């Protein structure tokens, strides 16, 4: 993984706690570095316990994030570190497929001729790389706000998460000022 992944991982940790938690109201259950028990079991391919989550190392968390989110969203191919971080962080929160759809819709809203199919491949990467990063991230942000509204409309008990979700989305806008260009390793 390159230094852009390391920076994106550090950005992610601002929202995903490095501490072990096991909140009975959190459907994810035991969690550390934002990695749930189910995610750890899936990655390792074996049953795990809450203690396994509690003992999760940062290095293993990074491996999971790199393999499950960074790589499928082709973040190493995104020419701007801010945009790659935006995709990565959102992929962790909403899943790779949903993030691919949001990115494709955001690219289309910015004028790209792109198919919206939830598969983030070379066509999607090329479209995103050709766009003004600030415009793309603003469009992406607006789509996330619309998604939050749709989720809460469908599940009113999720209202309690609105402020946190909106704050996390708002923080993505800080990435539009990121003028770094990704290292091509």
Protein backbone atom coordinates (compact mmCIF):
# COMPACT_ATOMS: atom_id res chain seq x y z
CA UNK A 1 0.00 0.00 0.00
CA UNK A 2 1.22 3.49 -0.65
CA UNK A 3 1.42 6.54 1.58
CA UNK A 4 -1.93 7.77 0.23
CA UNK A 5 -3.58 4.74 1.81
CA UNK A 6 -1.78 5.45 5.08
CA UNK A 7 -3.06 9.05 5.06
CA UNK A 8 -6.59 7.89 4.19
CA UNK A 9 -6.45 5.34 7.00
CA UNK A 10 -5.45 8.06 9.48
CA UNK A 11 -8.33 10.22 8.17
CA UNK A 12 -10.71 7.29 8.70
CA UNK A 13 -9.55 6.80 12.28
CA UNK A 14 -10.87 10.26 13.12
CA UNK A 15 -14.33 8.67 12.86
CA UNK A 16 -13.61 5.04 13.61
CA UNK A 17 -12.38 4.58 17.16
CA UNK A 18 -9.07 2.89 17.87
CA UNK A 19 -10.61 1.71 21.15
CA UNK A 20 -12.54 -1.51 21.62
CA UNK A 21 -16.28 -0.98 22.08
CA UNK A 22 -19.20 -3.31 22.57
CA UNK A 23 -22.26 -1.08 22.71
CA UNK A 24 -25.42 -3.19 23.16
CA UNK A 25 -27.32 -0.62 21.05
CA UNK A 26 -24.87 -0.93 18.15
CA UNK A 27 -25.96 -3.70 15.76
CA UNK A 28 -22.29 -4.17 14.79
CA UNK A 29 -21.50 -5.51 18.25
CA UNK A 30 -17.85 -5.74 19.31
CA UNK A 31 -15.83 -3.23 17.29
CA UNK A 32 -12.28 -1.86 17.16
CA UNK A 33 -10.81 0.45 14.49
CA UNK A 34 -14.32 0.33 13.01
CA UNK A 35 -13.90 -3.41 12.35
CA UNK A 36 -16.85 -5.44 13.63
CA UNK A 37 -16.82 -9.04 14.79
CA UNK A 38 -18.62 -10.10 11.62
CA UNK A 39 -16.13 -8.23 9.40
CA UNK A 40 -13.19 -9.81 11.21
CA UNK A 41 -14.68 -13.29 10.85
CA UNK A 42 -15.33 -12.70 7.18
CA UNK A 43 -11.79 -11.47 6.55
CA UNK A 44 -10.11 -14.28 8.50
CA UNK A 45 -12.50 -16.95 7.23
CA UNK A 46 -13.05 -18.43 10.67
CA UNK A 47 -15.16 -17.90 13.78
CA UNK A 48 -13.91 -15.14 16.07
CA UNK A 49 -14.79 -13.90 19.53
CA UNK A 50 -15.19 -10.49 21.10
CA UNK A 51 -11.69 -11.01 22.53
CA UNK A 52 -10.32 -11.38 19.00
CA UNK A 53 -11.83 -8.00 18.16
CA UNK A 54 -10.49 -6.47 21.36
CA UNK A 55 -6.98 -7.74 20.48
CA UNK A 56 -7.18 -6.59 16.85
CA UNK A 57 -3.93 -4.88 15.84
CA UNK A 58 -3.76 -1.71 13.79
CA UNK A 59 -1.74 -3.59 11.17
CA UNK A 60 -4.48 -6.19 10.70
CA UNK A 61 -7.14 -3.45 10.61
CA UNK A 62 -5.14 -1.73 7.84
CA UNK A 63 -4.95 -5.01 5.90
CA UNK A 64 -8.71 -5.44 6.16
CA UNK A 65 -9.41 -1.87 5.04
CA UNK A 66 -6.91 -2.06 2.20
CA UNK A 67 -8.33 -5.32 0.87
CA UNK A 68 -12.06 -4.75 1.48
CA UNK A 69 -12.42 -1.03 0.66
CA UNK A 70 -9.33 0.70 -0.78
CA UNK A 71 -8.57 -1.90 -3.47
CA UNK A 72 -12.16 -2.57 -4.66
CA UNK A 73 -12.71 1.18 -5.09
CA UNK A 74 -9.46 1.37 -7.10
CA UNK A 75 -8.23 4.19 -4.89
CA UNK A 76 -4.62 3.69 -6.03
CA UNK A 77 -5.82 4.69 -9.52
CA UNK A 78 -7.56 7.87 -8.38
CA UNK A 79 -5.30 10.78 -9.30
CA UNK A 80 -6.26 12.97 -6.34
CA UNK A 81 -5.61 11.89 -2.75
CA UNK A 82 -8.60 13.85 -1.45
CA UNK A 83 -11.00 12.13 -3.83
CA UNK A 84 -9.48 8.71 -3.07
CA UNK A 85 -9.89 9.36 0.65
CA UNK A 86 -13.48 10.48 0.09
CA UNK A 87 -14.29 7.22 -1.72
CA UNK A 88 -12.47 5.10 0.85
CA UNK A 89 -14.10 6.72 3.89
CA UNK A 90 -17.57 6.49 2.36
CA UNK A 91 -16.95 2.91 1.27
CA UNK A 92 -16.26 1.98 4.87
CA UNK A 93 -19.45 3.67 6.07
CA UNK A 94 -21.89 2.67 3.31
CA UNK A 95 -20.23 -0.24 1.51
CA UNK A 96 -18.29 -0.47 -1.73
CA UNK A 97 -21.31 -0.94 -4.02
CA UNK A 98 -23.25 2.00 -2.60
CA UNK A 99 -20.14 4.18 -2.74
CA UNK A 100 -19.55 3.22 -6.37
CA UNK A 101 -23.12 4.27 -7.21
CA UNK A 102 -22.74 7.57 -5.32
CA UNK A 103 -19.43 8.26 -7.10
CA UNK A 104 -20.90 7.46 -10.50
CA UNK A 105 -23.93 9.70 -9.87
CA UNK A 106 -21.65 12.49 -8.61
CA UNK A 107 -19.49 12.16 -11.73
CA UNK A 108 -22.59 12.28 -13.93
CA UNK A 109 -23.83 15.36 -12.04
CA UNK A 110 -20.49 16.97 -12.90
CA UNK A 111 -20.93 16.27 -16.60
CA UNK A 112 -19.26 12.88 -17.04
CA UNK A 113 -20.83 10.45 -19.49
CA UNK A 114 -20.81 7.34 -17.32
CA UNK A 115 -22.93 4.30 -16.70
CA UNK A 116 -24.37 4.09 -13.18
CA UNK A 117 -24.06 0.42 -12.36
CA UNK A 118 -22.39 0.27 -8.94
CA UNK A 119 -19.25 -1.28 -10.41
CA UNK A 120 -16.28 0.99 -9.91
CA UNK A 121 -13.99 0.06 -12.76
CA UNK A 122 -11.67 1.75 -15.24
CA UNK A 123 -14.48 3.79 -16.82
CA UNK A 124 -15.46 5.18 -13.42
CA UNK A 125 -11.86 5.92 -12.48
CA UNK A 126 -11.24 7.75 -15.76
CA UNK A 127 -14.43 9.77 -15.37
CA UNK A 128 -13.64 10.77 -11.79
CA UNK A 129 -10.02 11.60 -12.62
CA UNK A 130 -11.13 13.93 -15.44
CA UNK A 131 -13.34 16.04 -13.14
CA UNK A 132 -12.65 19.07 -11.00
CA UNK A 133 -12.10 17.52 -7.56
CA UNK A 134 -13.93 20.25 -5.68
CA UNK A 135 -17.03 19.93 -7.87
CA UNK A 136 -16.95 16.14 -7.60
CA UNK A 137 -16.65 16.13 -3.80
CA UNK A 138 -19.45 18.73 -3.48
CA UNK A 139 -21.74 16.61 -5.66
CA UNK A 140 -20.73 13.48 -3.75
CA UNK A 141 -21.50 15.23 -0.46
CA UNK A 142 -24.94 16.36 -1.70
CA UNK A 143 -25.77 12.78 -2.69
CA UNK A 144 -24.74 11.50 0.73
CA UNK A 145 -27.06 14.04 2.39
CA UNK A 146 -29.88 12.80 0.15
CA UNK A 147 -29.04 9.23 1.14
CA UNK A 148 -29.16 10.13 4.83
CA UNK A 149 -32.63 11.64 4.30
CA UNK A 150 -33.82 8.54 2.47
CA UNK A 151 -32.54 6.22 5.22
CA UNK A 152 -34.20 8.25 7.97
CA UNK A 153 -37.46 8.50 5.99
CA UNK A 154 -37.50 4.72 5.62
CA UNK A 155 -36.38 4.08 9.23
CA UNK A 156 -37.34 6.96 11.52
CA UNK A 157 -35.58 5.32 14.49
CA UNK A 158 -32.30 6.05 12.66
CA UNK A 159 -32.84 9.79 13.31
CA UNK A 160 -30.56 9.46 16.33
CA UNK A 161 -27.61 8.94 13.96
CA UNK A 162 -28.34 11.96 11.72
CA UNK A 163 -25.96 14.41 13.39
CA UNK A 164 -23.05 11.97 13.31
CA UNK A 165 -23.69 10.95 9.71
CA UNK A 166 -24.04 14.56 8.60
CA UNK A 167 -20.88 15.60 10.46
CA UNK A 168 -18.94 12.79 8.81
CA UNK A 169 -20.28 13.82 5.41
CA UNK A 170 -19.47 17.48 6.11
CA UNK A 171 -15.87 16.54 6.88
CA UNK A 172 -15.55 15.15 3.34
CA UNK A 173 -15.77 18.71 2.06
CA UNK A 174 -12.39 19.41 3.68
CA UNK A 175 -10.92 16.91 1.23
CA UNK A 176 -11.79 19.16 -1.72
CA UNK A 177 -8.99 21.48 -0.63
CA UNK A 178 -6.52 18.60 -0.83
CA UNK A 179 -4.36 19.36 -3.87
CA UNK A 180 -2.15 16.30 -3.45
CA UNK A 181 -1.73 14.03 -6.41
CA UNK A 182 -1.69 10.31 -5.73
CA UNK A 183 1.62 8.53 -5.93
CA UNK A 184 1.50 5.96 -8.68
CA UNK A 185 3.25 2.94 -7.16
